[in-house]
N, C-alpha and C. Protein backbone atom coordinates (compact mmCIF):
# COMPACT_ATOMS: atom_id res chain seq x y z
N MET A 1 -41.91 50.86 -21.76
CA MET A 1 -41.76 50.32 -20.38
C MET A 1 -42.75 49.22 -20.32
N ALA A 2 -42.41 48.17 -19.44
CA ALA A 2 -43.02 46.75 -19.54
C ALA A 2 -44.53 47.22 -18.47
N ARG A 3 -45.39 46.62 -18.74
CA ARG A 3 -46.54 47.04 -18.18
C ARG A 3 -46.70 45.39 -17.20
N THR A 4 -47.56 45.91 -15.97
CA THR A 4 -47.72 44.91 -15.34
C THR A 4 -48.99 43.97 -15.44
N LEU A 5 -48.79 42.67 -15.53
CA LEU A 5 -49.81 42.07 -16.37
C LEU A 5 -50.65 41.41 -14.73
N SER A 6 -52.04 40.96 -14.96
CA SER A 6 -53.14 40.89 -14.18
C SER A 6 -52.63 39.95 -12.91
N GLN A 7 -53.46 39.92 -12.07
CA GLN A 7 -53.23 38.90 -11.16
C GLN A 7 -54.13 37.79 -11.46
N ASP A 8 -54.93 37.95 -12.28
CA ASP A 8 -55.89 36.60 -12.68
C ASP A 8 -54.83 36.01 -13.73
N LEU A 9 -54.15 36.51 -14.62
CA LEU A 9 -53.25 35.80 -15.47
C LEU A 9 -52.16 35.08 -14.93
N ARG A 10 -51.91 35.80 -13.61
CA ARG A 10 -50.59 35.29 -13.02
C ARG A 10 -51.39 33.88 -12.61
N GLY A 11 -52.20 33.99 -11.77
CA GLY A 11 -52.93 32.62 -11.06
C GLY A 11 -53.48 31.81 -12.04
N ARG A 12 -53.60 31.92 -13.14
CA ARG A 12 -54.08 30.85 -14.11
C ARG A 12 -52.59 30.23 -14.74
N VAL A 13 -51.67 31.19 -14.45
CA VAL A 13 -50.41 30.31 -15.22
C VAL A 13 -49.83 29.65 -14.26
N VAL A 14 -49.92 29.69 -12.92
CA VAL A 14 -49.30 29.00 -11.59
C VAL A 14 -50.43 27.67 -11.38
N ALA A 15 -51.74 27.77 -11.69
CA ALA A 15 -52.32 26.75 -11.54
C ALA A 15 -52.31 25.87 -12.63
N ALA A 16 -52.20 26.39 -13.97
CA ALA A 16 -51.83 25.47 -14.82
C ALA A 16 -50.19 24.61 -14.23
N ILE A 17 -49.42 25.25 -13.95
CA ILE A 17 -48.16 24.61 -13.61
C ILE A 17 -48.19 23.74 -12.20
N ASP A 18 -49.28 24.13 -11.38
CA ASP A 18 -49.61 23.32 -10.26
C ASP A 18 -50.16 21.84 -11.05
N GLY A 19 -51.12 22.06 -11.82
CA GLY A 19 -52.02 21.01 -12.56
C GLY A 19 -51.09 20.00 -13.24
N GLY A 20 -49.66 20.22 -13.64
CA GLY A 20 -48.91 19.36 -14.18
C GLY A 20 -48.17 20.04 -15.69
N MET A 21 -48.73 21.18 -16.06
CA MET A 21 -47.87 21.69 -17.01
C MET A 21 -46.76 22.22 -16.86
N SER A 22 -45.73 22.10 -17.82
CA SER A 22 -44.46 22.59 -17.74
C SER A 22 -44.61 23.95 -17.41
N CYS A 23 -43.47 24.77 -17.15
CA CYS A 23 -43.42 26.16 -17.11
C CYS A 23 -43.18 26.82 -18.69
N ARG A 24 -42.58 26.11 -19.24
CA ARG A 24 -42.57 26.22 -20.94
C ARG A 24 -43.99 26.07 -21.66
N ALA A 25 -44.68 25.31 -21.46
CA ALA A 25 -45.84 25.34 -22.09
C ALA A 25 -46.95 25.98 -21.42
N ALA A 26 -46.82 26.29 -20.13
CA ALA A 26 -47.88 26.82 -19.56
C ALA A 26 -47.68 28.65 -20.06
N ALA A 27 -46.33 28.90 -20.43
CA ALA A 27 -45.90 30.26 -20.81
C ALA A 27 -46.59 30.50 -22.30
N ALA A 28 -46.15 29.37 -23.11
CA ALA A 28 -46.77 29.37 -24.44
C ALA A 28 -48.35 29.49 -24.54
N HIS A 29 -49.01 29.00 -23.61
CA HIS A 29 -50.48 28.62 -23.72
C HIS A 29 -50.93 29.95 -23.42
N PHE A 30 -50.65 30.54 -22.33
CA PHE A 30 -51.06 32.01 -21.94
C PHE A 30 -50.27 33.17 -22.61
N ASP A 31 -49.45 32.84 -23.60
CA ASP A 31 -48.66 33.86 -24.08
C ASP A 31 -47.83 34.87 -23.24
N VAL A 32 -47.16 34.30 -22.42
CA VAL A 32 -46.45 35.09 -21.76
C VAL A 32 -45.21 34.45 -21.87
N SER A 33 -43.83 35.17 -21.35
CA SER A 33 -42.66 34.82 -21.22
C SER A 33 -42.48 33.67 -20.20
N ILE A 34 -41.28 32.81 -20.88
CA ILE A 34 -41.01 31.75 -20.06
C ILE A 34 -40.63 32.00 -18.77
N SER A 35 -39.76 32.94 -18.98
CA SER A 35 -39.07 33.58 -17.44
C SER A 35 -40.23 34.35 -16.39
N SER A 36 -40.86 34.73 -17.04
CA SER A 36 -42.07 35.08 -16.20
C SER A 36 -42.92 34.14 -15.25
N ALA A 37 -42.97 33.07 -16.10
CA ALA A 37 -44.14 31.86 -15.73
C ALA A 37 -43.30 31.03 -14.87
N ILE A 38 -41.81 31.16 -14.78
CA ILE A 38 -40.97 30.58 -13.56
C ILE A 38 -41.04 31.45 -12.30
N ARG A 39 -40.75 32.77 -12.70
CA ARG A 39 -40.99 33.73 -11.84
C ARG A 39 -42.10 33.58 -10.69
N TRP A 40 -43.10 33.38 -11.78
CA TRP A 40 -44.37 33.46 -11.04
C TRP A 40 -44.71 32.41 -10.33
N ARG A 41 -44.06 31.06 -10.59
CA ARG A 41 -44.32 29.78 -10.19
C ARG A 41 -43.38 30.02 -8.52
N ARG A 42 -42.30 30.71 -8.65
CA ARG A 42 -41.20 30.56 -7.41
C ARG A 42 -41.98 31.65 -6.46
N LEU A 43 -42.52 32.75 -6.95
CA LEU A 43 -43.09 33.39 -6.00
C LEU A 43 -44.66 32.70 -5.53
N ALA A 44 -45.20 32.01 -6.14
CA ALA A 44 -46.26 31.45 -5.66
C ALA A 44 -45.76 30.32 -4.70
N LEU A 45 -44.50 29.65 -4.87
CA LEU A 45 -44.11 28.74 -3.68
C LEU A 45 -43.82 29.34 -2.53
N GLN A 46 -42.84 30.63 -2.67
CA GLN A 46 -42.57 31.10 -1.55
C GLN A 46 -43.38 31.81 -0.51
N HIS A 47 -44.14 33.01 -1.46
CA HIS A 47 -45.27 33.34 -0.70
C HIS A 47 -46.64 33.17 -0.57
N GLY A 48 -47.13 31.96 -1.52
CA GLY A 48 -48.72 31.65 -1.45
C GLY A 48 -49.06 32.28 -2.72
N ARG A 49 -48.76 33.38 -3.30
CA ARG A 49 -49.18 33.94 -4.34
C ARG A 49 -48.39 34.73 -5.36
N ALA A 50 -48.62 34.96 -6.56
CA ALA A 50 -47.57 35.50 -7.43
C ALA A 50 -47.87 36.88 -7.72
N VAL A 51 -47.58 37.92 -6.73
CA VAL A 51 -48.32 39.17 -6.90
C VAL A 51 -47.17 40.02 -6.92
N ALA A 52 -47.55 40.94 -8.13
CA ALA A 52 -46.74 42.11 -8.48
C ALA A 52 -46.31 42.82 -7.57
N LYS A 53 -44.95 43.26 -7.69
CA LYS A 53 -44.74 44.52 -6.99
C LYS A 53 -44.94 45.60 -6.92
N PRO A 54 -45.29 46.85 -6.37
CA PRO A 54 -45.61 47.92 -6.37
C PRO A 54 -44.90 48.73 -7.58
N ARG A 55 -45.47 49.52 -8.39
CA ARG A 55 -44.68 50.24 -9.39
C ARG A 55 -44.95 51.53 -9.16
N GLY A 56 -44.23 52.02 -9.52
CA GLY A 56 -44.08 53.71 -10.02
C GLY A 56 -43.93 54.31 -8.50
N GLY A 57 -44.28 55.60 -8.18
CA GLY A 57 -44.06 56.39 -6.92
C GLY A 57 -42.56 56.71 -6.70
N ASP A 58 -42.33 57.35 -5.82
CA ASP A 58 -41.38 58.08 -5.21
C ASP A 58 -40.76 57.01 -4.11
N ARG A 59 -39.39 56.51 -4.36
CA ARG A 59 -38.85 55.63 -3.83
C ARG A 59 -37.42 56.24 -3.08
N HIS A 60 -36.98 57.25 -3.75
CA HIS A 60 -35.91 57.70 -3.04
C HIS A 60 -35.85 59.10 -2.09
N SER A 61 -36.98 59.68 -1.74
CA SER A 61 -37.19 60.80 -1.05
C SER A 61 -37.00 60.64 0.48
N GLY A 62 -37.01 59.29 0.89
CA GLY A 62 -36.76 58.82 2.02
C GLY A 62 -35.30 59.24 2.61
N ARG A 63 -34.55 59.16 1.81
CA ARG A 63 -32.93 59.43 2.17
C ARG A 63 -32.94 61.15 2.64
N ILE A 64 -33.55 61.92 2.16
CA ILE A 64 -33.56 63.48 2.77
C ILE A 64 -34.70 63.58 3.54
N GLU A 65 -35.80 62.87 3.52
CA GLU A 65 -36.78 62.90 4.52
C GLU A 65 -36.26 62.80 5.96
N ALA A 66 -35.68 61.71 5.98
CA ALA A 66 -34.72 61.42 7.51
C ALA A 66 -33.79 62.67 7.99
N HIS A 67 -33.54 63.28 7.18
CA HIS A 67 -32.79 64.58 7.72
C HIS A 67 -33.72 65.77 7.85
N GLY A 68 -35.10 65.49 7.58
CA GLY A 68 -35.83 66.81 7.68
C GLY A 68 -35.87 67.83 8.66
N SER A 69 -35.66 67.40 9.97
CA SER A 69 -35.53 68.14 10.98
C SER A 69 -34.34 68.83 11.09
N PHE A 70 -33.35 68.61 10.69
CA PHE A 70 -32.08 69.22 10.45
C PHE A 70 -32.29 70.20 9.24
N ILE A 71 -32.82 70.17 8.43
CA ILE A 71 -33.18 71.39 7.18
C ILE A 71 -34.00 72.14 7.91
N LYS A 72 -34.65 71.61 8.69
CA LYS A 72 -35.84 72.82 9.21
C LYS A 72 -34.92 73.74 10.42
N GLU A 73 -34.10 72.93 11.07
CA GLU A 73 -33.00 73.61 11.89
C GLU A 73 -32.38 74.71 11.10
N LEU A 74 -32.00 74.21 10.10
CA LEU A 74 -31.19 75.23 9.12
C LEU A 74 -31.77 76.43 8.90
N LEU A 75 -33.18 76.40 8.45
CA LEU A 75 -33.75 77.51 8.41
C LEU A 75 -34.16 78.32 9.32
N ALA A 76 -34.28 77.68 10.51
CA ALA A 76 -34.64 78.19 11.87
C ALA A 76 -33.69 79.18 12.06
N GLU A 77 -32.29 78.73 12.17
CA GLU A 77 -31.23 79.61 12.41
C GLU A 77 -31.01 80.67 11.41
N ARG A 78 -31.23 80.42 10.27
CA ARG A 78 -30.51 81.33 9.19
C ARG A 78 -31.89 81.15 8.42
N GLY A 79 -32.59 82.17 7.99
CA GLY A 79 -33.86 82.15 7.40
C GLY A 79 -33.47 82.68 5.77
N ASP A 80 -32.18 83.11 5.59
CA ASP A 80 -31.49 83.55 3.86
C ASP A 80 -30.75 82.74 3.59
N ILE A 81 -30.78 81.15 4.12
CA ILE A 81 -29.89 80.40 3.69
C ILE A 81 -30.25 79.70 2.13
N THR A 82 -29.59 79.59 0.97
CA THR A 82 -29.55 79.17 -0.10
C THR A 82 -29.91 77.57 -0.06
N LEU A 83 -30.21 77.03 -1.16
CA LEU A 83 -30.42 75.56 -1.55
C LEU A 83 -28.97 74.95 -1.62
N ALA A 84 -27.89 75.69 -2.30
CA ALA A 84 -26.66 75.26 -2.27
C ALA A 84 -26.16 75.21 -1.00
N GLU A 85 -26.13 75.87 0.11
CA GLU A 85 -25.56 75.97 1.09
C GLU A 85 -26.14 74.84 2.06
N ILE A 86 -27.60 74.64 1.89
CA ILE A 86 -28.30 73.54 2.54
C ILE A 86 -27.61 72.23 2.06
N GLN A 87 -27.45 72.13 1.02
CA GLN A 87 -27.07 71.06 0.05
C GLN A 87 -25.25 70.89 0.61
N ALA A 88 -24.76 71.58 0.88
CA ALA A 88 -23.15 71.59 1.38
C ALA A 88 -23.33 70.90 2.56
N ARG A 89 -24.43 71.74 3.61
CA ARG A 89 -24.40 71.00 4.87
C ARG A 89 -24.68 69.51 5.06
N LEU A 90 -25.58 69.40 4.05
CA LEU A 90 -26.01 67.61 4.07
C LEU A 90 -24.88 66.95 3.43
N THR A 91 -24.14 67.46 2.88
CA THR A 91 -22.82 66.57 2.31
C THR A 91 -22.02 66.59 3.49
N GLU A 92 -21.67 67.63 4.20
CA GLU A 92 -21.10 67.68 5.20
C GLU A 92 -21.46 66.29 6.52
N ARG A 93 -22.71 66.33 6.20
CA ARG A 93 -23.04 65.25 7.21
C ARG A 93 -23.42 63.65 6.68
N GLY A 94 -22.60 63.57 5.39
CA GLY A 94 -22.61 62.37 4.78
C GLY A 94 -23.93 61.75 3.92
N VAL A 95 -24.54 62.97 3.80
CA VAL A 95 -25.80 62.61 2.86
C VAL A 95 -25.89 63.34 1.56
N PRO A 96 -25.12 62.87 0.47
CA PRO A 96 -24.67 63.53 -0.75
C PRO A 96 -26.38 63.72 -1.50
N VAL A 97 -26.61 64.81 -1.73
CA VAL A 97 -27.82 65.16 -2.68
C VAL A 97 -27.70 66.20 -3.56
N GLY A 98 -28.28 66.14 -4.26
CA GLY A 98 -28.30 67.47 -5.40
C GLY A 98 -29.34 68.60 -4.76
N ILE A 99 -29.09 69.82 -5.57
CA ILE A 99 -30.22 70.70 -5.50
C ILE A 99 -31.29 70.49 -5.75
N GLY A 100 -31.62 69.83 -6.81
CA GLY A 100 -33.02 69.41 -7.26
C GLY A 100 -34.07 68.72 -6.07
N THR A 101 -32.99 67.43 -5.14
CA THR A 101 -33.73 66.57 -4.24
C THR A 101 -34.03 67.69 -3.12
N VAL A 102 -33.04 68.96 -3.05
CA VAL A 102 -33.42 69.81 -1.77
C VAL A 102 -34.45 70.65 -2.47
N HIS A 103 -34.58 71.03 -3.12
CA HIS A 103 -35.77 71.91 -3.89
C HIS A 103 -37.21 71.10 -3.71
N ARG A 104 -37.16 69.74 -4.09
CA ARG A 104 -38.25 68.89 -4.00
C ARG A 104 -38.78 68.84 -2.59
N PHE A 105 -37.84 68.52 -1.93
CA PHE A 105 -38.16 68.74 -0.46
C PHE A 105 -39.03 69.54 0.36
N PHE A 106 -38.50 70.66 -0.35
CA PHE A 106 -39.18 72.37 -0.01
C PHE A 106 -40.63 72.15 -0.86
N ALA A 107 -40.85 71.74 -1.72
CA ALA A 107 -42.00 71.60 -2.58
C ALA A 107 -42.85 70.72 -1.75
N ARG A 108 -42.38 69.46 -1.50
CA ARG A 108 -43.33 68.75 -0.41
C ARG A 108 -43.80 69.10 0.60
N HIS A 109 -42.87 69.89 1.11
CA HIS A 109 -43.40 70.57 2.53
C HIS A 109 -43.96 71.78 2.65
N GLY A 110 -44.18 72.69 1.36
CA GLY A 110 -44.85 73.79 1.31
C GLY A 110 -44.14 74.87 1.47
N ILE A 111 -42.44 74.70 1.59
CA ILE A 111 -41.74 75.84 2.31
C ILE A 111 -41.17 76.74 1.35
N THR A 112 -41.75 77.80 1.09
CA THR A 112 -41.18 78.88 0.17
C THR A 112 -40.02 79.61 0.20
N ARG A 113 -39.36 80.14 -0.48
CA ARG A 113 -37.92 80.71 -0.64
C ARG A 113 -37.87 81.92 -1.15
N LYS A 114 -38.98 82.63 -1.00
CA LYS A 114 -39.21 84.21 -1.57
C LYS A 114 -38.44 85.14 -0.60
N LYS A 115 -37.16 85.37 -1.17
CA LYS A 115 -36.35 86.58 -0.46
C LYS A 115 -37.02 88.06 -0.13
N ARG A 116 -37.83 88.51 -1.07
CA ARG A 116 -38.20 89.78 -0.87
C ARG A 116 -39.43 89.97 -0.56
N SER A 117 -40.29 90.82 0.44
CA SER A 117 -41.46 90.69 0.38
C SER A 117 -42.30 91.30 -0.67
N GLY A 118 -43.37 90.84 -0.90
CA GLY A 118 -44.31 91.54 -1.80
C GLY A 118 -44.63 93.08 -1.43
N THR A 119 -44.98 93.76 -2.59
CA THR A 119 -45.24 95.44 -2.33
C THR A 119 -46.75 95.00 -3.20
N GLN A 120 -47.62 96.37 -2.77
CA GLN A 120 -48.66 96.53 -3.26
C GLN A 120 -48.91 97.17 -4.62
N SER A 121 -49.71 96.75 -5.29
CA SER A 121 -49.56 96.87 -6.81
C SER A 121 -50.00 98.48 -6.89
N SER A 122 -49.44 99.08 -8.13
CA SER A 122 -49.36 100.41 -8.27
C SER A 122 -50.16 100.65 -9.39
N LYS A 123 -51.06 101.57 -9.72
CA LYS A 123 -51.65 101.75 -10.81
C LYS A 123 -50.99 102.60 -11.84
N THR A 124 -49.92 103.39 -11.40
CA THR A 124 -49.44 104.37 -12.15
C THR A 124 -48.03 103.67 -12.73
N GLY A 125 -47.52 102.83 -12.44
CA GLY A 125 -46.18 102.44 -12.52
C GLY A 125 -45.81 100.96 -12.07
N PRO A 126 -44.40 100.30 -12.57
CA PRO A 126 -44.58 99.08 -12.12
C PRO A 126 -43.92 99.12 -10.74
N THR A 127 -44.05 97.99 -9.82
CA THR A 127 -43.93 97.89 -8.73
C THR A 127 -42.38 97.20 -8.45
N SER A 128 -41.87 96.70 -9.25
CA SER A 128 -40.72 96.13 -8.95
C SER A 128 -39.30 96.87 -9.42
């Protein structure tokens, strides 16, 4: 995976281009790709600086988070509802998500789905 180049390098490339150097010459001088030099110059002209976009992180959970109250209402109505049933109800509402997405929603919000209550440990035999 490509790495984000430093803001200092981006600024020096753009300054060299602004100083009269061509994009190709600046790219060769600073050992970056020609397309990067052109893109950084365009970003500097549009926004004032050639700032990198944020990398990593979760970009897709907002789709299910928008329906968080609906999911919590389903849990309040029926405490023993399964992940597959929640997935089906979301699909009925026009939100096609996978079971893994529903599971990660529960993990993010600290909602556990244990169906059987815990028992006190026994010294004489297994408890389950």
